[in-house]
Amino acid sequence: MSAHQQQIIFFRLWIDILQELLPSSLLEQFQQKEDEYLWIQEILTEQELIVDSTEQSIYRPYCNDKQKKYYSGKKKNHTLKNQIITTEKGTEIVDVIVGKRGPESDVN
């Protein structure tokens, strides 16, 4: 198993642990209830939201195709991106996205 694969497995393990310990985001709370989920999405479109992202360096993947997927030109490194979206005052966490490929855009 390559160092990159080990790092991804370790990262995914921590995601599972943290999801159990931390409170869920607004979107996670309503995701299973379709009518309420659509309602909260509609309300959030009228709100000003803050989007903040960070990139976390990872080992260079062995496979050339994976190297291209995870290479961030901004950081000049292979990275995973983490993103948090909050309400304007930061009182509510709207959504958290963890472990996406580094070159992806901040707003999904």
Protein backbone atom coordinates (compact mmCIF):
# COMPACT_ATOMS: atom_id res chain seq x y z
CA MET A 1 0.00 0.00 0.00
CA SER A 2 1.42 3.38 -1.01
CA ALA A 3 1.89 6.30 1.38
CA HIS A 4 -0.87 8.16 -0.48
CA GLN A 5 -3.35 5.31 0.05
CA GLN A 6 -2.43 5.08 3.74
CA GLN A 7 -2.94 8.81 4.15
CA ILE A 8 -6.37 8.72 2.48
CA ILE A 9 -7.46 5.80 4.71
CA PHE A 10 -6.23 7.63 7.82
CA PHE A 11 -8.02 10.81 6.73
CA ARG A 12 -11.31 8.96 6.08
CA LEU A 13 -11.03 7.27 9.50
CA TRP A 14 -10.82 10.67 11.20
CA ILE A 15 -13.78 11.97 9.17
CA ASP A 16 -15.95 9.15 10.55
CA ILE A 17 -14.78 9.78 14.14
CA LEU A 18 -15.34 13.55 13.93
CA GLN A 19 -18.78 13.15 12.36
CA GLU A 20 -19.86 11.15 15.40
CA LEU A 21 -18.43 13.66 17.89
CA LEU A 22 -19.39 17.00 16.31
CA PRO A 23 -22.90 18.37 15.82
CA SER A 24 -24.30 17.97 12.31
CA SER A 25 -24.64 20.89 9.92
CA LEU A 26 -28.02 22.39 9.02
CA LEU A 27 -28.11 20.55 5.71
CA GLU A 28 -27.21 17.22 7.36
CA GLN A 29 -29.97 17.68 9.94
CA PHE A 30 -32.65 18.06 7.26
CA GLN A 31 -31.23 15.83 4.51
CA GLN A 32 -33.45 12.82 5.33
CA LYS A 33 -36.65 14.92 5.39
CA GLU A 34 -37.11 16.00 1.78
CA ASP A 35 -39.82 18.64 2.34
CA GLU A 36 -37.90 20.31 5.19
CA TYR A 37 -34.63 20.02 3.24
CA LEU A 38 -36.13 21.96 0.31
CA TRP A 39 -37.53 24.53 2.75
CA ILE A 40 -34.14 25.10 4.46
CA GLN A 41 -32.41 25.36 1.07
CA GLU A 42 -34.92 28.04 0.03
CA ILE A 43 -34.32 30.00 3.23
CA LEU A 44 -30.55 29.77 2.83
CA THR A 45 -30.68 31.19 -0.70
CA GLU A 46 -31.97 34.42 0.85
CA GLN A 47 -29.14 34.57 3.43
CA GLU A 48 -25.60 35.88 3.12
CA LEU A 49 -23.27 32.96 3.77
CA ILE A 50 -19.55 32.77 4.45
CA VAL A 51 -17.57 30.12 2.57
CA ASP A 52 -14.04 29.34 3.75
CA SER A 53 -11.74 26.65 2.40
CA THR A 54 -8.36 25.26 3.31
CA GLU A 55 -6.11 22.86 1.49
CA GLN A 56 -4.27 20.09 3.29
CA SER A 57 -1.13 18.66 1.71
CA ILE A 58 -0.99 14.93 1.08
CA TYR A 59 1.72 12.58 -0.15
CA ARG A 60 2.22 12.59 -3.89
CA PRO A 61 0.10 9.77 -5.37
CA TYR A 62 2.07 7.03 -7.12
CA CYS A 63 -0.24 6.76 -10.15
CA ASN A 64 0.15 9.54 -12.73
CA ASP A 65 -3.64 9.88 -13.21
CA LYS A 66 -4.17 10.37 -9.48
CA GLN A 67 -1.32 12.89 -9.36
CA LYS A 68 -3.22 15.07 -11.84
CA LYS A 69 -6.48 14.72 -9.89
CA TYR A 70 -4.97 15.84 -6.58
CA TYR A 71 -2.48 18.48 -7.80
CA SER A 72 -3.34 22.03 -6.75
CA GLY A 73 -1.68 24.65 -8.94
CA LYS A 74 -2.43 27.27 -6.27
CA LYS A 75 -0.48 25.40 -3.58
CA LYS A 76 1.97 23.74 -6.01
CA ASN A 77 1.35 20.51 -4.15
CA HIS A 78 -1.01 17.52 -3.97
CA THR A 79 -3.86 18.43 -1.65
CA LEU A 80 -7.28 17.65 -0.22
CA LYS A 81 -9.68 20.55 0.23
CA ASN A 82 -11.89 21.18 3.25
CA GLN A 83 -14.71 23.72 3.10
CA ILE A 84 -17.04 25.17 5.73
CA ILE A 85 -20.12 27.31 5.07
CA THR A 86 -21.62 29.37 7.90
CA THR A 87 -24.28 32.01 8.35
CA GLU A 88 -23.12 35.63 8.18
CA LYS A 89 -22.58 35.95 11.93
CA GLY A 90 -21.09 32.46 12.19
CA THR A 91 -23.77 31.28 14.60
CA GLU A 92 -24.86 28.30 12.46
CA ILE A 93 -22.79 25.86 10.43
CA VAL A 94 -24.67 25.38 7.17
CA ASP A 95 -22.44 22.73 5.60
CA VAL A 96 -19.02 21.11 5.93
CA ILE A 97 -17.26 19.43 3.02
CA VAL A 98 -14.14 17.43 3.85
CA GLY A 99 -11.55 15.66 1.74
CA LYS A 100 -12.35 16.82 -1.79
CA ARG A 101 -9.62 16.92 -4.42
CA GLY A 102 -7.44 20.05 -4.14
CA PRO A 103 -8.01 21.48 -7.61
CA GLU A 104 -11.80 21.66 -7.19
CA SER A 105 -13.52 25.02 -6.89
CA ASP A 106 -14.45 26.41 -3.45
CA VAL A 107 -18.17 26.76 -4.07
CA ASN A 108 -19.96 23.56 -5.11
